[in-house]
Amino acid sequence: MPRLHLNRTGGARRAIAYVGVSERSTDDRERAQKRARRAKRKLVHEANLLAQSTDWKVAGERWGALRRRWKAAGSAGPDEERLWKSFKAASDQFHQRRAEHFAELAAAKQAMYDATAEDRRARQSEYVQRVEQRIRDHRETIGKLKAQRRELALRRKGLMPGWVGLELAEELDEQTERIDQYVIERERRLEEDMQRLARAMVGQDEVSVTDFYRRITTTKE
């Protein structure tokens, strides 16, 4: 009987000790949750302010720090889910605003690029028309010069009216030489324009197109 009495007493003591430890454990957990609630309420407040920021880079870095602080704060107990929803809503709001901002920038940039591309196509079309006209002018001028040269050659040989002696023959020779030089120059320009036009038509000479376009619209030959 005494042994049983001692056992019951020992069991009671152990039960009392266990209750005491359990109560302390509960108190510690509640205090930790209380601290977490205070910390996370503060974090929610900071998150709501940060959600309105337009300093996208700095704010984005601060969101990373806030999330790390949230995780380190521990559980807020029964309030954890509610606080987390508020924190996440602020985060989602910021990131949506940032995504919309950069989407607008991208759209504006694309619109500007499209407008530039359209202007570039219009300028290139006008450039091609101008070069084509220059080529026609070159060919027409070369044809007239060669006709004049043939006429001078015939007059030089006395096969056309106008032959009046050696003095005129020398003058005709000088005219023929000048015409020959002009023909060579015109043929060189014709070849250059035809090469520019060929490159422009296949889109391989955009810089030259722009430079040449500027030249032919600001100078006259």
C-alpha atoms as a PDB file:
ATOM      1  CA  MET A   1       0.000   0.000   0.000  1.00  0.00           C
ATOM      2  CA  PRO A   2       2.676   2.593   0.823  1.00  0.00           C
ATOM      3  CA  ARG A   3       4.278   1.892  -2.591  1.00  0.00           C
ATOM      4  CA  LEU A   4       1.003   2.594  -4.313  1.00  0.00           C
ATOM      5  CA  HIS A   5       0.596   5.797  -2.377  1.00  0.00           C
ATOM      6  CA  LEU A   6       4.085   6.906  -3.377  1.00  0.00           C
ATOM      7  CA  ASN A   7       3.425   6.066  -7.005  1.00  0.00           C
ATOM      8  CA  ARG A   8       0.247   8.073  -7.067  1.00  0.00           C
ATOM      9  CA  THR A   9       1.981  10.968  -5.442  1.00  0.00           C
ATOM     10  CA  GLY A  10       4.833  10.804  -7.911  1.00  0.00           C
ATOM     11  CA  GLY A  11       2.387  10.622 -10.814  1.00  0.00           C
ATOM     12  CA  ALA A  12       0.535  13.644  -9.506  1.00  0.00           C
ATOM     13  CA  ARG A  13       3.749  15.570  -9.230  1.00  0.00           C
ATOM     14  CA  ARG A  14       4.715  14.649 -12.741  1.00  0.00           C
ATOM     15  CA  ALA A  15       1.245  15.665 -13.964  1.00  0.00           C
ATOM     16  CA  ILE A  16       1.526  19.002 -12.180  1.00  0.00           C
ATOM     17  CA  ALA A  17       4.984  19.543 -13.618  1.00  0.00           C
ATOM     18  CA  TYR A  18       3.709  18.681 -17.106  1.00  0.00           C
ATOM     19  CA  VAL A  19       0.820  21.111 -16.743  1.00  0.00           C
ATOM     20  CA  GLY A  20       3.250  23.799 -15.697  1.00  0.00           C
ATOM     21  CA  VAL A  21       5.498  23.179 -18.707  1.00  0.00           C
ATOM     22  CA  SER A  22       2.496  23.086 -21.021  1.00  0.00           C
ATOM     23  CA  GLU A  23       1.219  26.381 -19.707  1.00  0.00           C
ATOM     24  CA  ARG A  24       4.629  27.993 -20.126  1.00  0.00           C
ATOM     25  CA  SER A  25       4.847  26.598 -23.650  1.00  0.00           C
ATOM     26  CA  THR A  26       1.407  27.989 -24.478  1.00  0.00           C
ATOM     27  CA  ASP A  27       2.332  31.368 -23.038  1.00  0.00           C
ATOM     28  CA  ASP A  28       5.567  31.448 -25.030  1.00  0.00           C
ATOM     29  CA  ARG A  29       3.712  30.545 -28.244  1.00  0.00           C
ATOM     30  CA  GLU A  30       1.087  33.206 -27.637  1.00  0.00           C
ATOM     31  CA  ARG A  31       3.747  35.834 -26.944  1.00  0.00           C
ATOM     32  CA  ALA A  32       5.572  34.836 -30.139  1.00  0.00           C
ATOM     33  CA  GLN A  33       2.372  35.056 -32.142  1.00  0.00           C
ATOM     34  CA  LYS A  34       1.619  38.432 -30.609  1.00  0.00           C
ATOM     35  CA  ARG A  35       5.039  39.717 -31.641  1.00  0.00           C
ATOM     36  CA  ALA A  36       4.508  38.265 -35.123  1.00  0.00           C
ATOM     37  CA  ARG A  37       1.112  39.983 -35.376  1.00  0.00           C
ATOM     38  CA  ARG A  38       2.627  43.340 -34.498  1.00  0.00           C
ATOM     39  CA  ALA A  39       5.480  42.858 -36.951  1.00  0.00           C
ATOM     40  CA  LYS A  40       3.204  41.726 -39.757  1.00  0.00           C
ATOM     41  CA  ARG A  41       0.699  44.512 -39.222  1.00  0.00           C
ATOM     42  CA  LYS A  42       3.610  46.903 -39.640  1.00  0.00           C
ATOM     43  CA  LEU A  43       4.696  45.034 -42.754  1.00  0.00           C
ATOM     44  CA  VAL A  44       1.169  45.247 -44.196  1.00  0.00           C
ATOM     45  CA  HIS A  45       1.206  49.010 -43.580  1.00  0.00           C
ATOM     46  CA  GLU A  46       4.573  49.342 -45.324  1.00  0.00           C
ATOM     47  CA  ALA A  47       3.341  47.161 -48.168  1.00  0.00           C
ATOM     48  CA  ASN A  48       0.270  49.348 -48.730  1.00  0.00           C
ATOM     49  CA  LEU A  49       2.486  52.437 -48.958  1.00  0.00           C
ATOM     50  CA  LEU A  50       4.988  50.691 -51.220  1.00  0.00           C
ATOM     51  CA  ALA A  51       2.186  49.520 -53.521  1.00  0.00           C
ATOM     52  CA  GLN A  52       1.734  53.147 -54.655  1.00  0.00           C
ATOM     53  CA  SER A  53       5.389  53.701 -55.538  1.00  0.00           C
ATOM     54  CA  THR A  54       6.499  54.499 -59.075  1.00  0.00           C
ATOM     55  CA  ASP A  55      10.183  53.998 -58.365  1.00  0.00           C
ATOM     56  CA  TRP A  56       9.968  50.579 -59.951  1.00  0.00           C
ATOM     57  CA  LYS A  57      13.540  49.422 -59.449  1.00  0.00           C
ATOM     58  CA  VAL A  58      13.977  50.522 -55.830  1.00  0.00           C
ATOM     59  CA  ALA A  59      10.458  49.456 -54.861  1.00  0.00           C
ATOM     60  CA  GLY A  60      10.982  46.060 -56.477  1.00  0.00           C
ATOM     61  CA  GLU A  61      14.087  45.533 -54.329  1.00  0.00           C
ATOM     62  CA  ARG A  62      12.195  46.629 -51.199  1.00  0.00           C
ATOM     63  CA  TRP A  63       9.482  44.061 -51.882  1.00  0.00           C
ATOM     64  CA  GLY A  64      12.119  41.360 -51.674  1.00  0.00           C
ATOM     65  CA  ALA A  65      13.232  42.691 -48.282  1.00  0.00           C
ATOM     66  CA  LEU A  66       9.623  42.845 -47.048  1.00  0.00           C
ATOM     67  CA  ARG A  67       9.018  39.224 -47.989  1.00  0.00           C
ATOM     68  CA  ARG A  68      12.149  38.139 -46.131  1.00  0.00           C
ATOM     69  CA  ARG A  69      11.027  40.071 -43.039  1.00  0.00           C
ATOM     70  CA  TRP A  70       7.583  38.503 -43.315  1.00  0.00           C
ATOM     71  CA  LYS A  71       9.038  35.016 -43.318  1.00  0.00           C
ATOM     72  CA  ALA A  72      11.381  35.800 -40.427  1.00  0.00           C
ATOM     73  CA  ALA A  73       8.547  37.203 -38.275  1.00  0.00           C
ATOM     74  CA  GLY A  74       6.990  33.754 -37.791  1.00  0.00           C
ATOM     75  CA  SER A  75       3.358  32.788 -37.484  1.00  0.00           C
ATOM     76  CA  ALA A  76       0.759  35.327 -36.381  1.00  0.00           C
ATOM     77  CA  GLY A  77      -1.586  32.577 -35.230  1.00  0.00           C
ATOM     78  CA  PRO A  78      -5.282  32.987 -36.088  1.00  0.00           C
ATOM     79  CA  ASP A  79      -4.553  36.316 -37.806  1.00  0.00           C
ATOM     80  CA  GLU A  80      -1.925  34.853 -40.128  1.00  0.00           C
ATOM     81  CA  GLU A  81      -4.183  34.206 -43.133  1.00  0.00           C
ATOM     82  CA  ARG A  82      -5.929  37.580 -42.930  1.00  0.00           C
ATOM     83  CA  LEU A  83      -2.664  39.491 -42.648  1.00  0.00           C
ATOM     84  CA  TRP A  84      -1.113  37.477 -45.474  1.00  0.00           C
ATOM     85  CA  LYS A  85      -4.033  38.249 -47.779  1.00  0.00           C
ATOM     86  CA  SER A  86      -3.610  41.979 -47.099  1.00  0.00           C
ATOM     87  CA  PHE A  87       0.139  41.791 -47.670  1.00  0.00           C
ATOM     88  CA  LYS A  88      -0.225  39.796 -50.883  1.00  0.00           C
ATOM     89  CA  ALA A  89      -2.961  42.119 -52.201  1.00  0.00           C
ATOM     90  CA  ALA A  90      -0.595  45.085 -51.822  1.00  0.00           C
ATOM     91  CA  SER A  91       2.180  43.135 -53.536  1.00  0.00           C
ATOM     92  CA  ASP A  92      -0.105  42.120 -56.405  1.00  0.00           C
ATOM     93  CA  GLN A  93      -1.266  45.719 -56.823  1.00  0.00           C
ATOM     94  CA  PHE A  94       2.295  47.017 -57.123  1.00  0.00           C
ATOM     95  CA  HIS A  95       3.431  44.339 -59.543  1.00  0.00           C
ATOM     96  CA  GLN A  96       0.344  44.788 -61.700  1.00  0.00           C
ATOM     97  CA  ARG A  97       0.927  48.556 -61.849  1.00  0.00           C
ATOM     98  CA  ARG A  98       4.564  47.982 -62.756  1.00  0.00           C
ATOM     99  CA  ALA A  99       3.640  45.475 -65.462  1.00  0.00           C
ATOM    100  CA  GLU A 100       1.077  47.899 -66.921  1.00  0.00           C
ATOM    101  CA  HIS A 101       3.634  50.731 -66.847  1.00  0.00           C
ATOM    102  CA  PHE A 102       6.231  48.789 -68.803  1.00  0.00           C
ATOM    103  CA  ALA A 103       3.572  47.439 -71.152  1.00  0.00           C
ATOM    104  CA  GLU A 104       2.586  51.039 -71.952  1.00  0.00           C
ATOM    105  CA  LEU A 105       6.225  51.956 -72.524  1.00  0.00           C
ATOM    106  CA  ALA A 106       6.655  48.971 -74.825  1.00  0.00           C
ATOM    107  CA  ALA A 107       3.497  49.893 -76.743  1.00  0.00           C
ATOM    108  CA  ALA A 108       4.653  53.493 -77.117  1.00  0.00           C
ATOM    109  CA  LYS A 109       8.077  52.346 -78.286  1.00  0.00           C
ATOM    110  CA  GLN A 110       6.496  49.964 -80.788  1.00  0.00           C
ATOM    111  CA  ALA A 111       4.190  52.710 -82.065  1.00  0.00           C
ATOM    112  CA  MET A 112       7.180  55.006 -82.500  1.00  0.00           C
ATOM    113  CA  TYR A 113       9.091  52.258 -84.298  1.00  0.00           C
ATOM    114  CA  ASP A 114       6.112  51.583 -86.570  1.00  0.00           C
ATOM    115  CA  ALA A 115       5.798  55.279 -87.364  1.00  0.00           C
ATOM    116  CA  THR A 116       9.521  55.477 -88.047  1.00  0.00           C
ATOM    117  CA  ALA A 117       9.369  52.376 -90.223  1.00  0.00           C
ATOM    118  CA  GLU A 118       6.435  53.835 -92.167  1.00  0.00           C
ATOM    119  CA  ASP A 119       8.286  57.119 -92.610  1.00  0.00           C
ATOM    120  CA  ARG A 120      11.378  55.198 -93.664  1.00  0.00           C
ATOM    121  CA  ARG A 121       9.379  53.279 -96.267  1.00  0.00           C
ATOM    122  CA  ALA A 122       7.827  56.501 -97.571  1.00  0.00           C
ATOM    123  CA  ARG A 123      11.223  58.181 -97.810  1.00  0.00           C
ATOM    124  CA  GLN A 124      12.703  55.142 -99.506  1.00  0.00           C
ATOM    125  CA  SER A 125       9.860  55.089-102.025  1.00  0.00           C
ATOM    126  CA  GLU A 126      10.391  58.762-102.788  1.00  0.00           C
ATOM    127  CA  TYR A 127      14.129  58.148-102.977  1.00  0.00           C
ATOM    128  CA  VAL A 128      13.656  55.337-105.495  1.00  0.00           C
ATOM    129  CA  GLN A 129      11.418  57.538-107.649  1.00  0.00           C
ATOM    130  CA  ARG A 130      13.982  60.326-107.618  1.00  0.00           C
ATOM    131  CA  VAL A 131      16.848  58.010-108.526  1.00  0.00           C
ATOM    132  CA  GLU A 132      14.801  56.458-111.311  1.00  0.00           C
ATOM    133  CA  GLN A 133      14.162  59.941-112.679  1.00  0.00           C
ATOM    134  CA  ARG A 134      17.871  60.744-112.433  1.00  0.00           C
ATOM    135  CA  ILE A 135      18.675  57.566-114.356  1.00  0.00           C
ATOM    136  CA  ARG A 136      16.243  58.570-117.112  1.00  0.00           C
ATOM    137  CA  ASP A 137      17.837  62.035-117.195  1.00  0.00           C
ATOM    138  CA  HIS A 138      21.320  60.522-117.379  1.00  0.00           C
ATOM    139  CA  ARG A 139      20.341  58.303-120.291  1.00  0.00           C
ATOM    140  CA  GLU A 140      18.586  61.112-122.118  1.00  0.00           C
ATOM    141  CA  THR A 141      21.540  63.457-121.655  1.00  0.00           C
ATOM    142  CA  ILE A 142      24.020  60.775-122.735  1.00  0.00           C
ATOM    143  CA  GLY A 143      21.912  60.105-125.838  1.00  0.00           C
ATOM    144  CA  LYS A 144      21.892  63.808-126.759  1.00  0.00           C
ATOM    145  CA  LEU A 145      25.611  64.149-126.151  1.00  0.00           C
ATOM    146  CA  LYS A 146      26.416  61.167-128.333  1.00  0.00           C
ATOM    147  CA  ALA A 147      24.166  62.568-131.069  1.00  0.00           C
ATOM    148  CA  GLN A 148      26.038  65.859-130.886  1.00  0.00           C
ATOM    149  CA  ARG A 149      29.329  64.019-131.037  1.00  0.00           C
ATOM    150  CA  ARG A 150      28.237  62.109-134.143  1.00  0.00           C
ATOM    151  CA  GLU A 151      27.120  65.364-135.755  1.00  0.00           C
ATOM    152  CA  LEU A 152      30.464  66.979-134.973  1.00  0.00           C
ATOM    153  CA  ALA A 153      32.294  63.969-136.417  1.00  0.00           C
ATOM    154  CA  LEU A 154      30.302  64.249-139.635  1.00  0.00           C
ATOM    155  CA  ARG A 155      30.895  67.991-139.839  1.00  0.00           C
ATOM    156  CA  ARG A 156      34.584  67.390-139.172  1.00  0.00           C
ATOM    157  CA  LYS A 157      34.668  65.057-142.165  1.00  0.00           C
ATOM    158  CA  GLY A 158      32.739  67.537-144.283  1.00  0.00           C
ATOM    159  CA  LEU A 159      29.716  65.261-144.513  1.00  0.00           C
ATOM    160  CA  MET A 160      27.377  67.870-143.024  1.00  0.00           C
ATOM    161  CA  PRO A 161      26.993  71.607-143.661  1.00  0.00           C
ATOM    162  CA  GLY A 162      29.195  73.809-141.529  1.00  0.00           C
ATOM    163  CA  TRP A 163      32.659  72.861-142.664  1.00  0.00           C
ATOM    164  CA  VAL A 164      34.582  76.121-143.203  1.00  0.00           C
ATOM    165  CA  GLY A 165      38.186  75.219-142.743  1.00  0.00           C
ATOM    166  CA  LEU A 166      40.855  74.285-140.204  1.00  0.00           C
ATOM    167  CA  GLU A 167      39.856  76.784-137.527  1.00  0.00           C
ATOM    168  CA  LEU A 168      36.373  75.364-137.264  1.00  0.00           C
ATOM    169  CA  ALA A 169      37.796  71.835-137.318  1.00  0.00           C
ATOM    170  CA  GLU A 170      39.871  72.589-134.206  1.00  0.00           C
ATOM    171  CA  GLU A 171      36.857  74.065-132.479  1.00  0.00           C
ATOM    172  CA  LEU A 172      34.820  70.993-133.349  1.00  0.00           C
ATOM    173  CA  ASP A 173      37.586  68.776-131.961  1.00  0.00           C
ATOM    174  CA  GLU A 174      37.528  70.716-128.666  1.00  0.00           C
ATOM    175  CA  GLN A 175      33.751  70.424-128.481  1.00  0.00           C
ATOM    176  CA  THR A 176      33.969  66.712-129.175  1.00  0.00           C
ATOM    177  CA  GLU A 177      36.537  66.270-126.381  1.00  0.00           C
ATOM    178  CA  ARG A 178      34.365  68.167-123.920  1.00  0.00           C
ATOM    179  CA  ILE A 179      31.373  66.066-124.897  1.00  0.00           C
ATOM    180  CA  ASP A 180      33.381  62.864-124.466  1.00  0.00           C
ATOM    181  CA  GLN A 181      34.395  63.897-120.938  1.00  0.00           C
ATOM    182  CA  TYR A 182      30.825  64.831-120.046  1.00  0.00           C
ATOM    183  CA  VAL A 183      29.585  61.502-121.402  1.00  0.00           C
ATOM    184  CA  ILE A 184      32.107  59.647-119.244  1.00  0.00           C
ATOM    185  CA  GLU A 185      31.016  61.626-116.164  1.00  0.00           C
ATOM    186  CA  ARG A 186      27.345  61.051-116.900  1.00  0.00           C
ATOM    187  CA  GLU A 187      27.913  57.337-117.444  1.00  0.00           C
ATOM    188  CA  ARG A 188      29.752  57.167-114.095  1.00  0.00           C
ATOM    189  CA  ARG A 189      26.844  58.869-112.338  1.00  0.00           C
ATOM    190  CA  LEU A 190      24.411  56.604-114.110  1.00  0.00           C
ATOM    191  CA  GLU A 191      26.273  53.507-112.905  1.00  0.00           C
ATOM    192  CA  GLU A 192      26.384  54.839-109.315  1.00  0.00           C
ATOM    193  CA  ASP A 193      22.665  55.589-109.303  1.00  0.00           C
ATOM    194  CA  MET A 194      21.812  52.202-110.751  1.00  0.00           C
ATOM    195  CA  GLN A 195      23.857  50.494-108.030  1.00  0.00           C
ATOM    196  CA  ARG A 196      22.211  52.595-105.310  1.00  0.00           C
ATOM    197  CA  LEU A 197      18.806  51.815-106.725  1.00  0.00           C
ATOM    198  CA  ALA A 198      19.531  48.083-106.852  1.00  0.00           C
ATOM    199  CA  ARG A 199      20.684  48.061-103.209  1.00  0.00           C
ATOM    200  CA  ALA A 200      17.701  50.125-102.099  1.00  0.00           C
ATOM    201  CA  MET A 201      15.242  47.796-103.812  1.00  0.00           C
ATOM    202  CA  VAL A 202      16.531  44.805-101.834  1.00  0.00           C
ATOM    203  CA  GLY A 203      16.873  46.768 -98.581  1.00  0.00           C
ATOM    204  CA  GLN A 204      20.648  46.419 -98.279  1.00  0.00           C
ATOM    205  CA  ASP A 205      21.667  50.058 -98.382  1.00  0.00           C
ATOM    206  CA  GLU A 206      19.543  51.872 -95.816  1.00  0.00           C
ATOM    207  CA  VAL A 207      22.308  54.207 -94.613  1.00  0.00           C
ATOM    208  CA  SER A 208      23.332  55.039 -98.169  1.00  0.00           C
ATOM    209  CA  VAL A 209      19.681  55.537 -99.073  1.00  0.00           C
ATOM    210  CA  THR A 210      19.290  58.068 -96.271  1.00  0.00           C
ATOM    211  CA  ASP A 211      22.520  59.888 -97.065  1.00  0.00           C
ATOM    212  CA  PHE A 212      21.909  59.939-100.794  1.00  0.00           C
ATOM    213  CA  TYR A 213      18.294  60.980-100.285  1.00  0.00           C
ATOM    214  CA  ARG A 214      19.520  63.946 -98.280  1.00  0.00           C
ATOM    215  CA  ARG A 215      22.037  64.833-100.972  1.00  0.00           C
ATOM    216  CA  ILE A 216      19.680  64.694-103.925  1.00  0.00           C
ATOM    217  CA  THR A 217      17.032  66.704-102.089  1.00  0.00           C
ATOM    218  CA  THR A 218      19.423  69.484-101.101  1.00  0.00           C
ATOM    219  CA  THR A 219      21.600  69.808-104.207  1.00  0.00           C
ATOM    220  CA  LYS A 220      21.023  70.152-107.912  1.00  0.00           C
ATOM    221  CA  GLU A 221      23.160  68.861-110.729  1.00  0.00           C
END
